[in-house]
Amino acid sequence: MCLGIPGEILEINEDQGLRVGKVRFAGITREVCLEYVPEAVKGDFVVVHVGFAIATIDAQEAARTYRILEEFGQTAELAADASQSEHGREVPRRISK
């Protein structure tokens, strides 16, 4: 099964002609390709699959989706990343919007 994880766009940049952004997932920040969601702006929530934002969603849907993923135990990778790199990075937290 393929999963898309909801995250919030913190900033948008261009990298070698591609639209990319920093996206926060439960306190972890990753660079994500935004080419498939040209309408997305800073502050929007997107669904990300293997480093590509594939859809925009509202904050309530992002929070609901994240809760469901937690219930199914599909957020362990994010928690593992956070616990391994607590120094200098944000501590994991739930999406609260």
C-alpha atoms as a PDB file:
ATOM      1  CA  MET A   1       0.000   0.000   0.000  1.00  0.00           C
ATOM      2  CA  CYS A   2       1.253   3.487  -0.830  1.00  0.00           C
ATOM      3  CA  LEU A   3       0.790   6.204   1.751  1.00  0.00           C
ATOM      4  CA  GLY A   4       0.716   9.947   1.419  1.00  0.00           C
ATOM      5  CA  ILE A   5       1.626  11.893   4.545  1.00  0.00           C
ATOM      6  CA  PRO A   6       0.089  15.331   5.193  1.00  0.00           C
ATOM      7  CA  GLY A   7       2.440  18.218   5.828  1.00  0.00           C
ATOM      8  CA  GLU A   8       2.465  22.005   5.958  1.00  0.00           C
ATOM      9  CA  ILE A   9       4.461  24.069   3.466  1.00  0.00           C
ATOM     10  CA  LEU A  10       6.845  26.337   5.385  1.00  0.00           C
ATOM     11  CA  GLU A  11       8.643  27.904   2.422  1.00  0.00           C
ATOM     12  CA  ILE A  12       8.807  27.637  -1.357  1.00  0.00           C
ATOM     13  CA  ASN A  13      11.915  27.909  -3.519  1.00  0.00           C
ATOM     14  CA  GLU A  14      13.194  26.978  -6.948  1.00  0.00           C
ATOM     15  CA  ASP A  15      15.973  24.425  -7.368  1.00  0.00           C
ATOM     16  CA  GLN A  16      17.412  23.908 -10.847  1.00  0.00           C
ATOM     17  CA  GLY A  17      14.132  24.953 -12.443  1.00  0.00           C
ATOM     18  CA  LEU A  18      11.932  22.841 -10.160  1.00  0.00           C
ATOM     19  CA  ARG A  19       9.466  24.210  -7.624  1.00  0.00           C
ATOM     20  CA  VAL A  20      10.385  22.792  -4.213  1.00  0.00           C
ATOM     21  CA  GLY A  21       9.433  23.574  -0.652  1.00  0.00           C
ATOM     22  CA  LYS A  22      10.234  22.839   2.945  1.00  0.00           C
ATOM     23  CA  VAL A  23       7.337  20.864   4.373  1.00  0.00           C
ATOM     24  CA  ARG A  24       6.777  20.036   8.056  1.00  0.00           C
ATOM     25  CA  PHE A  25       5.488  16.599   9.036  1.00  0.00           C
ATOM     26  CA  ALA A  26       4.799  16.291  12.771  1.00  0.00           C
ATOM     27  CA  GLY A  27       7.789  18.480  13.593  1.00  0.00           C
ATOM     28  CA  ILE A  28      10.147  16.986  10.988  1.00  0.00           C
ATOM     29  CA  THR A  29      11.025  19.188   8.013  1.00  0.00           C
ATOM     30  CA  ARG A  30      11.791  17.753   4.582  1.00  0.00           C
ATOM     31  CA  GLU A  31      12.375  19.189   1.125  1.00  0.00           C
ATOM     32  CA  VAL A  32       9.536  18.211  -1.194  1.00  0.00           C
ATOM     33  CA  CYS A  33       8.944  18.654  -4.930  1.00  0.00           C
ATOM     34  CA  LEU A  34       5.900  20.892  -5.481  1.00  0.00           C
ATOM     35  CA  GLU A  35       5.673  20.577  -9.272  1.00  0.00           C
ATOM     36  CA  TYR A  36       2.435  18.561  -9.127  1.00  0.00           C
ATOM     37  CA  VAL A  37       0.673  21.204  -6.994  1.00  0.00           C
ATOM     38  CA  PRO A  38       1.392  24.529  -8.724  1.00  0.00           C
ATOM     39  CA  GLU A  39      -1.482  26.174  -6.825  1.00  0.00           C
ATOM     40  CA  ALA A  40       0.083  25.458  -3.414  1.00  0.00           C
ATOM     41  CA  VAL A  41       1.395  28.394  -1.383  1.00  0.00           C
ATOM     42  CA  LYS A  42       3.221  28.823   1.918  1.00  0.00           C
ATOM     43  CA  GLY A  43       0.942  27.727   4.763  1.00  0.00           C
ATOM     44  CA  ASP A  44      -1.014  25.225   2.659  1.00  0.00           C
ATOM     45  CA  PHE A  45      -1.184  21.562   3.586  1.00  0.00           C
ATOM     46  CA  VAL A  46      -0.177  18.968   1.017  1.00  0.00           C
ATOM     47  CA  VAL A  47      -0.215  15.187   0.797  1.00  0.00           C
ATOM     48  CA  VAL A  48       3.327  13.923   0.110  1.00  0.00           C
ATOM     49  CA  HIS A  49       4.285  10.562  -1.358  1.00  0.00           C
ATOM     50  CA  VAL A  50       7.982   9.631  -1.825  1.00  0.00           C
ATOM     51  CA  GLY A  51       9.090  13.261  -1.790  1.00  0.00           C
ATOM     52  CA  PHE A  52       6.425  14.634  -4.156  1.00  0.00           C
ATOM     53  CA  ALA A  53       3.433  16.717  -3.077  1.00  0.00           C
ATOM     54  CA  ILE A  54       0.539  15.106  -4.941  1.00  0.00           C
ATOM     55  CA  ALA A  55      -2.466  17.085  -3.634  1.00  0.00           C
ATOM     56  CA  THR A  56      -3.412  20.074  -1.519  1.00  0.00           C
ATOM     57  CA  ILE A  57      -5.801  19.591   1.407  1.00  0.00           C
ATOM     58  CA  ASP A  58      -7.228  21.826   4.110  1.00  0.00           C
ATOM     59  CA  ALA A  59      -5.875  21.898   7.658  1.00  0.00           C
ATOM     60  CA  GLN A  60      -8.767  19.871   9.079  1.00  0.00           C
ATOM     61  CA  GLU A  61      -8.284  17.077   6.525  1.00  0.00           C
ATOM     62  CA  ALA A  62      -4.527  17.092   7.216  1.00  0.00           C
ATOM     63  CA  ALA A  63      -5.142  16.676  10.963  1.00  0.00           C
ATOM     64  CA  ARG A  64      -7.753  13.943  10.395  1.00  0.00           C
ATOM     65  CA  THR A  65      -5.474  12.052   8.000  1.00  0.00           C
ATOM     66  CA  TYR A  66      -2.521  12.283  10.373  1.00  0.00           C
ATOM     67  CA  ARG A  67      -4.641  10.934  13.261  1.00  0.00           C
ATOM     68  CA  ILE A  68      -5.715   7.973  11.119  1.00  0.00           C
ATOM     69  CA  LEU A  69      -2.119   7.273  10.103  1.00  0.00           C
ATOM     70  CA  GLU A  70      -1.120   7.343  13.789  1.00  0.00           C
ATOM     71  CA  GLU A  71      -3.891   4.880  14.640  1.00  0.00           C
ATOM     72  CA  PHE A  72      -2.595   2.491  11.962  1.00  0.00           C
ATOM     73  CA  GLY A  73       0.990   2.911  13.182  1.00  0.00           C
ATOM     74  CA  GLN A  74       2.126   4.514   9.934  1.00  0.00           C
ATOM     75  CA  THR A  75       3.924   7.504  11.489  1.00  0.00           C
ATOM     76  CA  ALA A  76       6.726   5.508  13.144  1.00  0.00           C
ATOM     77  CA  GLU A  77       9.246   6.584  10.503  1.00  0.00           C
ATOM     78  CA  LEU A  78       8.642  10.242  11.349  1.00  0.00           C
ATOM     79  CA  ALA A  79       8.966   9.565  15.075  1.00  0.00           C
ATOM     80  CA  ALA A  80      12.159   7.551  14.508  1.00  0.00           C
ATOM     81  CA  ASP A  81      13.673  10.370  12.448  1.00  0.00           C
ATOM     82  CA  ALA A  82      12.839  12.859  15.196  1.00  0.00           C
ATOM     83  CA  SER A  83      14.212  10.798  18.067  1.00  0.00           C
ATOM     84  CA  GLN A  84      17.464  10.134  16.203  1.00  0.00           C
ATOM     85  CA  SER A  85      18.033  13.813  15.515  1.00  0.00           C
ATOM     86  CA  GLU A  86      16.588  15.665  18.497  1.00  0.00           C
ATOM     87  CA  HIS A  87      19.674  17.858  18.662  1.00  0.00           C
ATOM     88  CA  GLY A  88      19.199  20.841  16.394  1.00  0.00           C
ATOM     89  CA  ARG A  89      15.786  19.781  15.054  1.00  0.00           C
ATOM     90  CA  GLU A  90      12.223  20.138  16.218  1.00  0.00           C
ATOM     91  CA  VAL A  91      10.737  17.524  18.521  1.00  0.00           C
ATOM     92  CA  PRO A  92       7.807  15.682  16.921  1.00  0.00           C
ATOM     93  CA  ARG A  93       4.355  17.099  17.533  1.00  0.00           C
ATOM     94  CA  ARG A  94       0.888  16.548  16.229  1.00  0.00           C
ATOM     95  CA  ILE A  95      -0.714  18.720  13.599  1.00  0.00           C
ATOM     96  CA  SER A  96      -3.025  20.921  15.639  1.00  0.00           C
ATOM     97  CA  LYS A  97      -4.885  22.963  13.041  1.00  0.00           C
END
